[in-house]
């Protein structure tokens, strides 16, 4: 195993870069981070629409969210890679296709995280903001959403963990992410698949376990902050 690492570590990390396109573990991280960063604002908009009092906004977004959440990511990738070019006439590369599929898929899941975070904020916060003269959109943006986002941080980290694992599906369209590179290395050595895919599995474990611990740390920190926050209930007067 050490011999494999010593021989192929650079190829495993960055693929053929700088003599070719970026690949390997670096491409996996770039793809996962880019997908989550692009999906987050879209997920926030979808989440706000899911709790909107206006049916014309809430119902179409709800249908989109349920439709995407009820569809395997593999099917979303196939649609983005085969169906969209046939409709638009524009052929996209593997990276763009995978990024688009991940953004759409993650936006639907982030919408439910945002919706749950908003519903977790006491309704009195919104009512007080409206009583002070704020419109519904401004009250959501300035009062409710900042509180909801704070409680959503651990869930957002967990979604990033899922996104890292989902990037491995780029293999089916020839994207040179880390699992594709591992397969190519296995083709070259051929007789050592257990070691090659053992290294791949360990790499995914280190990334996902580290981020899971980060999410756990955020949960504990938020719990301590909530426990130490002063209570809003007035204390009885003593004589």
C-alpha atoms as a PDB file:
ATOM      1  CA  UNK A   1       0.000   0.000   0.000  1.00  0.00           C
ATOM      2  CA  UNK A   2       2.827   2.397   0.821  1.00  0.00           C
ATOM      3  CA  UNK A   3       4.331   1.663  -2.584  1.00  0.00           C
ATOM      4  CA  UNK A   4       1.044   2.591  -4.267  1.00  0.00           C
ATOM      5  CA  UNK A   5       0.816   5.822  -2.305  1.00  0.00           C
ATOM      6  CA  UNK A   6       4.409   6.729  -3.107  1.00  0.00           C
ATOM      7  CA  UNK A   7       3.871   6.077  -6.841  1.00  0.00           C
ATOM      8  CA  UNK A   8       0.403   7.483  -7.456  1.00  0.00           C
ATOM      9  CA  UNK A   9      -0.215  10.010  -4.680  1.00  0.00           C
ATOM     10  CA  UNK A  10       0.067  13.063  -6.931  1.00  0.00           C
ATOM     11  CA  UNK A  11      -2.168  11.508  -9.599  1.00  0.00           C
ATOM     12  CA  UNK A  12      -4.652  10.563  -6.867  1.00  0.00           C
ATOM     13  CA  UNK A  13      -4.701  14.126  -5.517  1.00  0.00           C
ATOM     14  CA  UNK A  14      -4.854  16.284  -8.674  1.00  0.00           C
ATOM     15  CA  UNK A  15      -5.152  13.942 -11.656  1.00  0.00           C
ATOM     16  CA  UNK A  16      -3.197  15.108 -14.704  1.00  0.00           C
ATOM     17  CA  UNK A  17      -2.941  18.720 -13.524  1.00  0.00           C
ATOM     18  CA  UNK A  18      -1.012  20.906 -14.538  1.00  0.00           C
ATOM     19  CA  UNK A  19      -0.407  18.934 -17.743  1.00  0.00           C
ATOM     20  CA  UNK A  20      -4.110  18.243 -18.107  1.00  0.00           C
ATOM     21  CA  UNK A  21      -7.469  18.956 -16.478  1.00  0.00           C
ATOM     22  CA  UNK A  22      -7.764  19.012 -12.709  1.00  0.00           C
ATOM     23  CA  UNK A  23      -8.921  15.707 -11.245  1.00  0.00           C
ATOM     24  CA  UNK A  24      -8.684  13.395  -8.273  1.00  0.00           C
ATOM     25  CA  UNK A  25      -9.356  14.484  -4.716  1.00  0.00           C
ATOM     26  CA  UNK A  26      -8.911  18.169  -5.546  1.00  0.00           C
ATOM     27  CA  UNK A  27     -11.676  18.017  -8.151  1.00  0.00           C
ATOM     28  CA  UNK A  28     -13.953  16.195  -5.703  1.00  0.00           C
ATOM     29  CA  UNK A  29     -13.521  18.932  -3.088  1.00  0.00           C
ATOM     30  CA  UNK A  30     -13.909  21.748  -5.626  1.00  0.00           C
ATOM     31  CA  UNK A  31     -17.059  20.139  -7.024  1.00  0.00           C
ATOM     32  CA  UNK A  32     -18.615  19.543  -3.596  1.00  0.00           C
ATOM     33  CA  UNK A  33     -17.791  23.026  -2.284  1.00  0.00           C
ATOM     34  CA  UNK A  34     -18.946  24.732  -5.486  1.00  0.00           C
ATOM     35  CA  UNK A  35     -22.192  22.770  -5.560  1.00  0.00           C
ATOM     36  CA  UNK A  36     -23.036  23.628  -1.958  1.00  0.00           C
ATOM     37  CA  UNK A  37     -22.119  27.315  -2.323  1.00  0.00           C
ATOM     38  CA  UNK A  38     -24.266  27.667  -5.444  1.00  0.00           C
ATOM     39  CA  UNK A  39     -27.123  25.591  -4.019  1.00  0.00           C
ATOM     40  CA  UNK A  40     -27.274  27.476  -0.708  1.00  0.00           C
ATOM     41  CA  UNK A  41     -28.844  30.731  -1.984  1.00  0.00           C
ATOM     42  CA  UNK A  42     -31.207  28.743  -4.195  1.00  0.00           C
ATOM     43  CA  UNK A  43     -32.117  26.521  -1.244  1.00  0.00           C
ATOM     44  CA  UNK A  44     -32.760  29.582   0.943  1.00  0.00           C
ATOM     45  CA  UNK A  45     -35.100  31.011  -1.699  1.00  0.00           C
ATOM     46  CA  UNK A  46     -36.895  27.677  -2.025  1.00  0.00           C
ATOM     47  CA  UNK A  47     -37.145  27.369   1.764  1.00  0.00           C
ATOM     48  CA  UNK A  48     -38.634  30.865   2.068  1.00  0.00           C
ATOM     49  CA  UNK A  49     -41.092  29.994  -0.679  1.00  0.00           C
ATOM     50  CA  UNK A  50     -42.059  26.790   1.159  1.00  0.00           C
ATOM     51  CA  UNK A  51     -43.252  28.802   4.172  1.00  0.00           C
ATOM     52  CA  UNK A  52     -44.658  31.685   2.138  1.00  0.00           C
ATOM     53  CA  UNK A  53     -48.267  32.711   2.923  1.00  0.00           C
ATOM     54  CA  UNK A  54     -48.908  33.112  -0.821  1.00  0.00           C
ATOM     55  CA  UNK A  55     -50.067  29.915  -2.523  1.00  0.00           C
ATOM     56  CA  UNK A  56     -48.942  31.060  -5.964  1.00  0.00           C
ATOM     57  CA  UNK A  57     -45.372  31.029  -4.606  1.00  0.00           C
ATOM     58  CA  UNK A  58     -45.583  28.080  -2.225  1.00  0.00           C
ATOM     59  CA  UNK A  59     -47.272  25.446  -4.381  1.00  0.00           C
ATOM     60  CA  UNK A  60     -44.988  25.479  -7.480  1.00  0.00           C
ATOM     61  CA  UNK A  61     -41.835  25.423  -5.334  1.00  0.00           C
ATOM     62  CA  UNK A  62     -43.267  22.616  -3.200  1.00  0.00           C
ATOM     63  CA  UNK A  63     -43.927  20.592  -6.357  1.00  0.00           C
ATOM     64  CA  UNK A  64     -40.338  21.153  -7.554  1.00  0.00           C
ATOM     65  CA  UNK A  65     -38.837  20.234  -4.173  1.00  0.00           C
ATOM     66  CA  UNK A  66     -40.919  17.067  -3.854  1.00  0.00           C
ATOM     67  CA  UNK A  67     -40.150  16.104  -7.448  1.00  0.00           C
ATOM     68  CA  UNK A  68     -36.376  16.451  -7.035  1.00  0.00           C
ATOM     69  CA  UNK A  69     -36.320  14.801  -3.599  1.00  0.00           C
ATOM     70  CA  UNK A  70     -38.311  11.882  -4.995  1.00  0.00           C
ATOM     71  CA  UNK A  71     -35.849  11.342  -7.864  1.00  0.00           C
ATOM     72  CA  UNK A  72     -32.480   9.558  -7.522  1.00  0.00           C
ATOM     73  CA  UNK A  73     -29.449  11.752  -8.103  1.00  0.00           C
ATOM     74  CA  UNK A  74     -28.343   9.304 -10.801  1.00  0.00           C
ATOM     75  CA  UNK A  75     -31.478  10.150 -12.791  1.00  0.00           C
ATOM     76  CA  UNK A  76     -30.890  13.889 -12.334  1.00  0.00           C
ATOM     77  CA  UNK A  77     -27.355  13.448 -13.721  1.00  0.00           C
ATOM     78  CA  UNK A  78     -28.677  11.539 -16.736  1.00  0.00           C
ATOM     79  CA  UNK A  79     -31.243  14.259 -17.410  1.00  0.00           C
ATOM     80  CA  UNK A  80     -28.604  16.977 -17.184  1.00  0.00           C
ATOM     81  CA  UNK A  81     -26.155  15.056 -19.400  1.00  0.00           C
ATOM     82  CA  UNK A  82     -28.483  13.636 -22.068  1.00  0.00           C
ATOM     83  CA  UNK A  83     -31.863  15.383 -21.918  1.00  0.00           C
ATOM     84  CA  UNK A  84     -30.892  19.055 -21.532  1.00  0.00           C
ATOM     85  CA  UNK A  85     -28.484  19.088 -24.539  1.00  0.00           C
ATOM     86  CA  UNK A  86     -31.178  17.552 -26.726  1.00  0.00           C
ATOM     87  CA  UNK A  87     -33.618  20.302 -25.671  1.00  0.00           C
ATOM     88  CA  UNK A  88     -31.283  23.305 -25.579  1.00  0.00           C
ATOM     89  CA  UNK A  89     -28.847  22.201 -28.268  1.00  0.00           C
ATOM     90  CA  UNK A  90     -25.930  23.048 -25.980  1.00  0.00           C
ATOM     91  CA  UNK A  91     -23.543  20.253 -24.994  1.00  0.00           C
ATOM     92  CA  UNK A  92     -22.059  20.719 -21.546  1.00  0.00           C
ATOM     93  CA  UNK A  93     -18.882  19.149 -20.205  1.00  0.00           C
ATOM     94  CA  UNK A  94     -18.742  16.562 -17.458  1.00  0.00           C
ATOM     95  CA  UNK A  95     -17.834  19.042 -14.724  1.00  0.00           C
ATOM     96  CA  UNK A  96     -20.591  21.516 -15.663  1.00  0.00           C
ATOM     97  CA  UNK A  97     -23.141  18.721 -15.934  1.00  0.00           C
ATOM     98  CA  UNK A  98     -22.254  17.247 -12.562  1.00  0.00           C
ATOM     99  CA  UNK A  99     -22.170  20.676 -10.918  1.00  0.00           C
ATOM    100  CA  UNK A 100     -25.601  21.525 -12.328  1.00  0.00           C
ATOM    101  CA  UNK A 101     -27.071  18.218 -11.147  1.00  0.00           C
ATOM    102  CA  UNK A 102     -25.610  18.631  -7.653  1.00  0.00           C
ATOM    103  CA  UNK A 103     -26.859  22.219  -7.380  1.00  0.00           C
ATOM    104  CA  UNK A 104     -30.415  21.230  -8.309  1.00  0.00           C
ATOM    105  CA  UNK A 105     -30.369  18.177  -6.049  1.00  0.00           C
ATOM    106  CA  UNK A 106     -28.848  19.936  -3.047  1.00  0.00           C
ATOM    107  CA  UNK A 107     -31.079  22.983  -3.409  1.00  0.00           C
ATOM    108  CA  UNK A 108     -34.131  20.778  -2.867  1.00  0.00           C
ATOM    109  CA  UNK A 109     -32.678  19.265   0.300  1.00  0.00           C
ATOM    110  CA  UNK A 110     -31.404  22.613   1.569  1.00  0.00           C
ATOM    111  CA  UNK A 111     -34.890  24.029   1.059  1.00  0.00           C
ATOM    112  CA  UNK A 112     -36.248  21.569   3.613  1.00  0.00           C
ATOM    113  CA  UNK A 113     -33.403  22.396   6.018  1.00  0.00           C
ATOM    114  CA  UNK A 114     -34.206  26.099   5.682  1.00  0.00           C
ATOM    115  CA  UNK A 115     -37.922  25.460   6.094  1.00  0.00           C
ATOM    116  CA  UNK A 116     -37.317  23.463   9.272  1.00  0.00           C
ATOM    117  CA  UNK A 117     -35.007  26.177  10.597  1.00  0.00           C
ATOM    118  CA  UNK A 118     -37.603  28.884   9.981  1.00  0.00           C
ATOM    119  CA  UNK A 119     -40.361  26.850  11.604  1.00  0.00           C
ATOM    120  CA  UNK A 120     -38.066  26.318  14.594  1.00  0.00           C
ATOM    121  CA  UNK A 121     -38.000  30.068  15.291  1.00  0.00           C
ATOM    122  CA  UNK A 122     -40.827  31.065  17.665  1.00  0.00           C
ATOM    123  CA  UNK A 123     -43.704  32.549  15.702  1.00  0.00           C
ATOM    124  CA  UNK A 124     -43.792  35.486  18.089  1.00  0.00           C
ATOM    125  CA  UNK A 125     -40.575  36.765  16.492  1.00  0.00           C
ATOM    126  CA  UNK A 126     -42.329  37.258  13.157  1.00  0.00           C
ATOM    127  CA  UNK A 127     -45.443  38.689  14.790  1.00  0.00           C
ATOM    128  CA  UNK A 128     -43.396  41.210  16.780  1.00  0.00           C
ATOM    129  CA  UNK A 129     -41.527  42.282  13.662  1.00  0.00           C
ATOM    130  CA  UNK A 130     -44.787  42.763  11.779  1.00  0.00           C
ATOM    131  CA  UNK A 131     -46.221  44.693  14.728  1.00  0.00           C
ATOM    132  CA  UNK A 132     -43.240  47.073  14.510  1.00  0.00           C
ATOM    133  CA  UNK A 133     -44.195  47.888  10.939  1.00  0.00           C
ATOM    134  CA  UNK A 134     -41.889  45.588   8.970  1.00  0.00           C
ATOM    135  CA  UNK A 135     -43.289  43.974   5.848  1.00  0.00           C
ATOM    136  CA  UNK A 136     -43.357  40.171   5.663  1.00  0.00           C
ATOM    137  CA  UNK A 137     -40.275  39.897   3.366  1.00  0.00           C
ATOM    138  CA  UNK A 138     -38.279  42.353   5.482  1.00  0.00           C
ATOM    139  CA  UNK A 139     -39.287  40.648   8.732  1.00  0.00           C
ATOM    140  CA  UNK A 140     -38.178  37.282   7.340  1.00  0.00           C
ATOM    141  CA  UNK A 141     -34.869  38.705   6.081  1.00  0.00           C
ATOM    142  CA  UNK A 142     -33.925  40.758   9.127  1.00  0.00           C
ATOM    143  CA  UNK A 143     -35.471  38.906  12.064  1.00  0.00           C
ATOM    144  CA  UNK A 144     -36.427  35.283  11.354  1.00  0.00           C
ATOM    145  CA  UNK A 145     -33.856  34.109   8.796  1.00  0.00           C
ATOM    146  CA  UNK A 146     -30.709  35.122  10.777  1.00  0.00           C
ATOM    147  CA  UNK A 147     -31.946  33.107  13.773  1.00  0.00           C
ATOM    148  CA  UNK A 148     -32.880  30.152  11.582  1.00  0.00           C
ATOM    149  CA  UNK A 149     -29.521  30.083   9.782  1.00  0.00           C
ATOM    150  CA  UNK A 150     -27.672  29.913  13.100  1.00  0.00           C
ATOM    151  CA  UNK A 151     -29.504  26.745  14.093  1.00  0.00           C
ATOM    152  CA  UNK A 152     -29.074  25.248  10.600  1.00  0.00           C
ATOM    153  CA  UNK A 153     -25.254  25.254  10.616  1.00  0.00           C
ATOM    154  CA  UNK A 154     -24.841  21.603  11.740  1.00  0.00           C
ATOM    155  CA  UNK A 155     -27.339  20.434   9.118  1.00  0.00           C
ATOM    156  CA  UNK A 156     -25.519  22.401   6.433  1.00  0.00           C
ATOM    157  CA  UNK A 157     -22.241  20.686   7.359  1.00  0.00           C
ATOM    158  CA  UNK A 158     -23.966  17.295   7.186  1.00  0.00           C
ATOM    159  CA  UNK A 159     -25.289  18.186   3.746  1.00  0.00           C
ATOM    160  CA  UNK A 160     -21.726  18.967   2.670  1.00  0.00           C
ATOM    161  CA  UNK A 161     -20.712  15.489   3.858  1.00  0.00           C
ATOM    162  CA  UNK A 162     -23.442  13.958   1.689  1.00  0.00           C
ATOM    163  CA  UNK A 163     -22.376  16.087  -1.277  1.00  0.00           C
ATOM    164  CA  UNK A 164     -18.791  14.814  -1.071  1.00  0.00           C
ATOM    165  CA  UNK A 165     -20.043  11.234  -1.332  1.00  0.00           C
ATOM    166  CA  UNK A 166     -22.465  12.125  -4.126  1.00  0.00           C
ATOM    167  CA  UNK A 167     -19.632  13.435  -6.312  1.00  0.00           C
ATOM    168  CA  UNK A 168     -18.572   9.806  -6.861  1.00  0.00           C
ATOM    169  CA  UNK A 169     -21.543   9.444  -9.228  1.00  0.00           C
ATOM    170  CA  UNK A 170     -19.627  11.652 -11.669  1.00  0.00           C
ATOM    171  CA  UNK A 171     -17.842   8.416 -12.570  1.00  0.00           C
ATOM    172  CA  UNK A 172     -20.751   7.381 -14.801  1.00  0.00           C
ATOM    173  CA  UNK A 173     -20.263  10.368 -17.129  1.00  0.00           C
ATOM    174  CA  UNK A 174     -16.462  10.144 -17.175  1.00  0.00           C
ATOM    175  CA  UNK A 175     -15.715  12.922 -14.688  1.00  0.00           C
ATOM    176  CA  UNK A 176     -12.177  12.445 -13.366  1.00  0.00           C
ATOM    177  CA  UNK A 177     -13.053  12.792  -9.672  1.00  0.00           C
ATOM    178  CA  UNK A 178     -11.275  10.726  -7.046  1.00  0.00           C
ATOM    179  CA  UNK A 179     -13.195   7.450  -7.525  1.00  0.00           C
ATOM    180  CA  UNK A 180     -12.618   7.600 -11.299  1.00  0.00           C
ATOM    181  CA  UNK A 181      -8.891   8.154 -10.706  1.00  0.00           C
ATOM    182  CA  UNK A 182      -8.834   5.219  -8.284  1.00  0.00           C
ATOM    183  CA  UNK A 183     -10.372   3.020 -10.979  1.00  0.00           C
ATOM    184  CA  UNK A 184      -7.726   4.116 -13.469  1.00  0.00           C
ATOM    185  CA  UNK A 185      -4.953   3.354 -10.965  1.00  0.00           C
ATOM    186  CA  UNK A 186      -6.503  -0.064 -10.369  1.00  0.00           C
ATOM    187  CA  UNK A 187      -6.500  -0.680 -14.127  1.00  0.00           C
ATOM    188  CA  UNK A 188      -2.781   0.070 -14.251  1.00  0.00           C
ATOM    189  CA  UNK A 189      -1.748  -2.155 -11.331  1.00  0.00           C
ATOM    190  CA  UNK A 190      -4.674  -4.589 -11.868  1.00  0.00           C
ATOM    191  CA  UNK A 191      -3.628  -7.113  -9.215  1.00  0.00           C
ATOM    192  CA  UNK A 192      -4.116  -4.920  -6.130  1.00  0.00           C
ATOM    193  CA  UNK A 193      -7.770  -3.746  -6.111  1.00  0.00           C
ATOM    194  CA  UNK A 194      -8.163  -4.221  -2.356  1.00  0.00           C
ATOM    195  CA  UNK A 195      -5.340  -1.783  -1.649  1.00  0.00           C
ATOM    196  CA  UNK A 196      -6.426   0.776  -4.256  1.00  0.00           C
ATOM    197  CA  UNK A 197     -10.048   0.903  -3.166  1.00  0.00           C
ATOM    198  CA  UNK A 198      -9.027   0.600   0.475  1.00  0.00           C
ATOM    199  CA  UNK A 199      -7.121   3.876   0.075  1.00  0.00           C
ATOM    200  CA  UNK A 200     -10.157   5.380  -1.674  1.00  0.00           C
ATOM    201  CA  UNK A 201     -12.491   4.269   1.114  1.00  0.00           C
ATOM    202  CA  UNK A 202     -10.140   5.584   3.775  1.00  0.00           C
ATOM    203  CA  UNK A 203      -9.948   8.940   1.977  1.00  0.00           C
ATOM    204  CA  UNK A 204     -13.735   9.276   1.937  1.00  0.00           C
ATOM    205  CA  UNK A 205     -13.876   8.204   5.588  1.00  0.00           C
ATOM    206  CA  UNK A 206     -11.339  10.820   6.701  1.00  0.00           C
ATOM    207  CA  UNK A 207     -13.172  13.605   4.856  1.00  0.00           C
ATOM    208  CA  UNK A 208     -16.661  12.645   5.967  1.00  0.00           C
ATOM    209  CA  UNK A 209     -15.699  11.755   9.541  1.00  0.00           C
ATOM    210  CA  UNK A 210     -13.830  15.037   9.961  1.00  0.00           C
ATOM    211  CA  UNK A 211     -16.799  17.045   8.720  1.00  0.00           C
ATOM    212  CA  UNK A 212     -19.190  14.980  10.873  1.00  0.00           C
ATOM    213  CA  UNK A 213     -17.115  15.818  13.937  1.00  0.00           C
ATOM    214  CA  UNK A 214     -17.226  19.456  12.896  1.00  0.00           C
ATOM    215  CA  UNK A 215     -21.020  19.284  12.747  1.00  0.00           C
ATOM    216  CA  UNK A 216     -21.091  17.622  16.181  1.00  0.00           C
ATOM    217  CA  UNK A 217     -18.869  20.366  17.575  1.00  0.00           C
ATOM    218  CA  UNK A 218     -21.172  23.026  16.140  1.00  0.00           C
ATOM    219  CA  UNK A 219     -24.186  21.332  17.701  1.00  0.00           C
ATOM    220  CA  UNK A 220     -22.538  21.245  21.127  1.00  0.00           C
ATOM    221  CA  UNK A 221     -21.420  24.863  20.839  1.00  0.00           C
ATOM    222  CA  UNK A 222     -24.902  26.014  19.850  1.00  0.00           C
ATOM    223  CA  UNK A 223     -26.417  23.966  22.664  1.00  0.00           C
ATOM    224  CA  UNK A 224     -24.071  25.560  25.227  1.00  0.00           C
ATOM    225  CA  UNK A 225     -24.818  29.010  23.854  1.00  0.00           C
ATOM    226  CA  UNK A 226     -28.560  28.379  24.088  1.00  0.00           C
ATOM    227  CA  UNK A 227     -28.217  27.054  27.629  1.00  0.00           C
ATOM    228  CA  UNK A 228     -26.184  30.071  28.751  1.00  0.00           C
ATOM    229  CA  UNK A 229     -28.483  32.609  27.106  1.00  0.00           C
ATOM    230  CA  UNK A 230     -30.521  34.644  29.625  1.00  0.00           C
ATOM    231  CA  UNK A 231     -34.107  33.595  29.927  1.00  0.00           C
ATOM    232  CA  UNK A 232     -36.719  35.962  28.556  1.00  0.00           C
ATOM    233  CA  UNK A 233     -39.107  35.088  31.396  1.00  0.00           C
ATOM    234  CA  UNK A 234     -39.013  37.802  34.099  1.00  0.00           C
ATOM    235  CA  UNK A 235     -38.016  36.665  37.551  1.00  0.00           C
ATOM    236  CA  UNK A 236     -40.565  37.177  40.349  1.00  0.00           C
ATOM    237  CA  UNK A 237     -39.962  40.126  42.632  1.00  0.00           C
ATOM    238  CA  UNK A 238     -38.911  39.298  46.169  1.00  0.00           C
ATOM    239  CA  UNK A 239     -39.615  41.399  49.184  1.00  0.00           C
END
